[in-house]
Structures are given as structure tokens and as C-alpha cells.
Amino acid sequence: MQKNLIKQQGVALVVSLLLLLVITLLAVTTMKRTTVQEQMTGNLHDRQLALQQAEAALLVAERLLDAAPLPGGPVALINNAGVYDLPDPALPDRWAPGQLVTWVGAPVMNDGLANPASYIIEYMEEWAFPPGCDRSTTIARGCLEPTFRITARVPATPGRAEVTLQTVWRR
């Protein structure tokens, strides 16, 4: 009877060690998943802050164009810092990495939680709106208006999100 008891205690030890191993593996897997989810949440938060910065830069550029003095209006701003004439279709986009353009810094938001945004403005000629309004015998007032493309970006740094937004602006 004593021999039987010793054998059972040995089996109990092996079973308990296997259970401990399974529980440890489950705990480690859960910790890894939690860490990955935390990183994903942090990245999403960082991207949202960068998106807010870029949207604020678009708004600043739109207000600059809205406030342009007459008689030239927004077209008179061309060749000022960050405001460019028609893009050349044969050249790379001005906002592409490595292009020599002057990005205008926008006011910083979010207390430095995201990289600051900057913008450029490009004149895109006069566009007809609504489309085809310039083909009638009498062109309606406001049909042909100067149109601008605004590009705002929040550049990437290690561990931070990069965001680039564009909008078309016309009065």
C-alpha cells in the first residue's frame, strides 16, 4: 500500500507541473496580446493628433486665402513664402519628399503631443464651377474663379505617424 501512494504522488507532481506550464503559456500569450493592443491604441491616438494638426494647417491656409487683399486677391499671394504658381506636370509633385519648397509652419496644437504641421498653397488657374458654366453665351458671375490646392503635412519622425492632406479652395 505504501508503494501505491508514492507512485500516485509522483503522478500528481507531473500533472501539476503540466498544468502550471499551460497556465504560464496562457499568461504570457495574454500579456503579449495586451502589449500589442496597447501599441495599436497608442498609434491610433498619435495618428489622430497628427490628423488634427494637418486639418488645422489646412484651415490656416484657407483663412490666408480668404483674407487676401484686393485688387489681386489670393492670386496676388503667389511667390510669397509657401504660395506657388501653377505646378509643372513634367516635374515631380511639390509635396513629394526631396522637393525644394518652403513649407509654412502652422500654429502648434495638442501641446506638442504631435509633430507640428506645415502647408503649401499652389495656384491651379481659374476653374469653371459648376462645370460647363464657361461654355454659355453669358458667363455667370463667379463661374471662373481662381482655384488653389492646399497641401498640409505632418512629417514623420521615428515612432510617429505621418499625415498628408490636400484640399481644393476657391471663393
Protein backbone atom coordinates (compact mmCIF):
# COMPACT_ATOMS: atom_id res chain seq x y z
CA MET A 1 0.00 0.00 0.00
CA GLN A 2 2.89 2.39 0.71
CA LYS A 3 4.32 1.78 -2.81
CA ASN A 4 0.98 2.71 -4.44
CA LEU A 5 0.85 6.01 -2.52
CA ILE A 6 4.37 7.00 -3.64
CA LYS A 7 3.51 6.32 -7.31
CA GLN A 8 0.35 8.46 -7.05
CA GLN A 9 2.30 11.37 -5.55
CA GLY A 10 4.73 11.27 -8.47
CA VAL A 11 1.85 11.38 -10.99
CA ALA A 12 0.27 14.30 -9.13
CA LEU A 13 3.56 16.20 -9.36
CA VAL A 14 3.82 15.64 -13.12
CA VAL A 15 0.17 16.63 -13.69
CA SER A 16 0.53 19.78 -11.57
CA LEU A 17 3.73 20.78 -13.44
CA LEU A 18 1.95 20.34 -16.78
CA LEU A 19 -0.97 22.45 -15.58
CA LEU A 20 1.44 25.12 -14.34
CA LEU A 21 3.16 25.11 -17.74
CA VAL A 22 -0.17 25.55 -19.58
CA ILE A 23 -1.22 28.39 -17.26
CA THR A 24 2.15 30.11 -17.73
CA LEU A 25 1.87 29.87 -21.53
CA LEU A 26 -1.64 31.32 -21.42
CA ALA A 27 -0.47 34.18 -19.20
CA VAL A 28 2.50 35.02 -21.47
CA THR A 29 0.28 34.92 -24.59
CA THR A 30 -2.27 37.19 -22.95
CA MET A 31 0.44 39.65 -21.89
CA LYS A 32 1.84 39.78 -25.45
CA ARG A 33 -1.62 40.39 -26.91
CA THR A 34 -2.27 43.15 -24.38
CA THR A 35 1.04 44.82 -25.23
CA VAL A 36 0.27 44.74 -28.97
CA GLN A 37 -3.21 46.16 -28.38
CA GLU A 38 -1.73 48.94 -26.26
CA GLN A 39 0.74 49.81 -29.03
CA MET A 40 -2.08 49.82 -31.60
CA THR A 41 -4.14 52.16 -29.44
CA GLY A 42 -1.16 54.47 -28.98
CA ASN A 43 -0.53 54.55 -32.72
CA LEU A 44 -4.18 55.34 -33.42
CA HIS A 45 -4.10 58.16 -30.88
CA ASP A 46 -0.89 59.53 -32.39
CA ARG A 47 -2.36 59.42 -35.89
CA GLN A 48 -5.50 61.25 -34.74
CA LEU A 49 -3.37 64.01 -33.21
CA ALA A 50 -1.36 64.31 -36.44
CA LEU A 51 -4.59 64.43 -38.45
CA GLN A 52 -5.87 67.27 -36.24
CA GLN A 53 -2.60 69.15 -36.78
CA ALA A 54 -2.88 68.76 -40.57
CA GLU A 55 -6.54 69.83 -40.60
CA ALA A 56 -5.63 72.93 -38.59
CA ALA A 57 -2.90 73.75 -41.13
CA LEU A 58 -5.47 73.48 -43.96
CA LEU A 59 -7.74 75.87 -42.07
CA VAL A 60 -4.90 78.39 -41.56
CA ALA A 61 -4.08 78.31 -45.29
CA GLU A 62 -7.76 78.74 -46.23
CA ARG A 63 -8.03 81.75 -43.93
CA LEU A 64 -4.90 83.22 -45.52
CA LEU A 65 -6.51 82.94 -48.96
CA ASP A 66 -9.83 84.32 -47.64
CA ALA A 67 -8.08 87.36 -46.18
CA ALA A 68 -6.03 88.17 -49.30
CA PRO A 69 -6.28 91.89 -50.08
CA LEU A 70 -7.93 93.17 -53.24
CA PRO A 71 -7.46 94.01 -56.10
CA GLY A 72 -5.25 90.96 -56.67
CA GLY A 73 -6.97 88.76 -54.11
CA PRO A 74 -5.43 85.35 -53.49
CA VAL A 75 -3.57 85.41 -56.84
CA ALA A 76 -1.52 88.35 -55.51
CA LEU A 77 -0.10 86.00 -52.85
CA ILE A 78 1.76 83.90 -55.46
CA ASN A 79 5.53 83.88 -54.89
CA ASN A 80 5.13 84.67 -51.19
CA ALA A 81 6.54 82.07 -48.81
CA GLY A 82 4.71 78.80 -49.32
CA VAL A 83 2.46 80.08 -52.17
CA TYR A 84 3.37 78.80 -55.62
CA ASP A 85 2.26 79.34 -59.21
CA LEU A 86 0.91 76.57 -61.45
CA PRO A 87 2.64 73.23 -60.94
CA ASP A 88 4.60 71.90 -63.89
CA PRO A 89 3.15 68.50 -64.88
CA ALA A 90 6.58 67.38 -66.12
CA LEU A 91 8.12 67.82 -62.66
CA PRO A 92 7.51 65.77 -59.50
CA ASP A 93 4.78 67.00 -57.17
CA ARG A 94 5.92 69.82 -54.93
CA TRP A 95 4.86 67.97 -51.80
CA ALA A 96 6.82 64.84 -52.72
CA PRO A 97 9.78 64.06 -50.46
CA GLY A 98 13.01 65.73 -51.51
CA GLN A 99 11.42 68.67 -53.34
CA LEU A 100 12.79 72.11 -52.56
CA VAL A 101 9.76 74.04 -51.41
CA THR A 102 9.19 76.34 -48.48
CA TRP A 103 6.66 74.77 -46.14
CA VAL A 104 4.90 77.33 -43.95
CA GLY A 105 4.55 76.27 -40.34
CA ALA A 106 1.05 76.23 -38.90
CA PRO A 107 0.29 77.05 -35.27
CA VAL A 108 1.01 74.12 -32.98
CA MET A 109 -1.92 72.31 -31.40
CA ASN A 110 -2.17 69.50 -28.88
CA ASP A 111 0.60 70.86 -26.63
CA GLY A 112 3.40 69.15 -28.54
CA LEU A 113 1.76 65.72 -28.45
CA ALA A 114 2.11 65.50 -32.24
CA ASN A 115 4.64 66.91 -34.69
CA PRO A 116 3.80 70.42 -35.91
CA ALA A 117 2.08 70.73 -39.29
CA SER A 118 3.07 72.84 -42.28
CA TYR A 119 1.43 73.70 -45.59
CA ILE A 120 1.99 74.91 -49.14
CA ILE A 121 -0.51 76.56 -51.49
CA GLU A 122 -0.47 76.10 -55.26
CA TYR A 123 -2.38 78.21 -57.79
CA MET A 124 -4.35 75.93 -60.14
CA GLU A 125 -5.74 78.55 -62.59
CA GLU A 126 -9.37 79.54 -62.90
CA TRP A 127 -11.76 76.59 -62.81
CA ALA A 128 -15.31 76.65 -64.06
CA PHE A 129 -17.89 75.88 -61.42
CA PRO A 130 -20.40 74.45 -61.94
CA PRO A 131 -18.72 72.51 -64.75
CA GLY A 132 -19.65 73.87 -68.18
CA CYS A 133 -20.71 77.30 -66.92
CA ASP A 134 -17.94 78.87 -69.03
CA ARG A 135 -19.44 77.47 -72.27
CA SER A 136 -22.61 79.56 -72.22
CA THR A 137 -23.01 82.81 -74.16
CA THR A 138 -23.17 84.80 -70.96
CA ILE A 139 -20.74 83.57 -68.33
CA ALA A 140 -22.35 83.76 -64.90
CA ARG A 141 -20.67 85.80 -62.20
CA GLY A 142 -18.45 83.56 -60.09
CA CYS A 143 -18.24 80.89 -62.78
CA LEU A 144 -14.49 81.30 -63.28
CA GLU A 145 -12.66 81.83 -60.01
CA PRO A 146 -9.01 81.39 -59.06
CA THR A 147 -8.57 77.92 -57.60
CA PHE A 148 -5.85 76.79 -55.24
CA ARG A 149 -4.67 73.43 -53.98
CA ILE A 150 -3.58 73.39 -50.35
CA THR A 151 -1.34 70.58 -49.13
CA ALA A 152 -0.81 70.17 -45.39
CA ARG A 153 1.51 67.64 -43.84
CA VAL A 154 2.73 66.42 -40.52
CA PRO A 155 6.12 64.86 -41.23
CA ALA A 156 7.01 61.53 -39.74
CA THR A 157 9.68 61.08 -37.14
CA PRO A 158 10.65 57.73 -35.65
CA GLY A 159 7.68 56.32 -33.80
CA ARG A 160 5.25 58.97 -35.05
CA ALA A 161 2.54 58.92 -37.72
CA GLU A 162 2.87 60.86 -40.97
CA VAL A 163 -0.21 62.58 -42.37
CA THR A 164 -0.65 64.47 -45.64
CA LEU A 165 -3.96 66.14 -46.55
CA GLN A 166 -4.99 68.14 -49.60
CA THR A 167 -7.95 70.31 -50.37
CA VAL A 168 -9.05 72.48 -53.29
CA TRP A 169 -10.03 76.03 -52.37
CA ARG A 170 -11.90 78.65 -54.34
CA ARG A 171 -14.02 81.58 -53.27
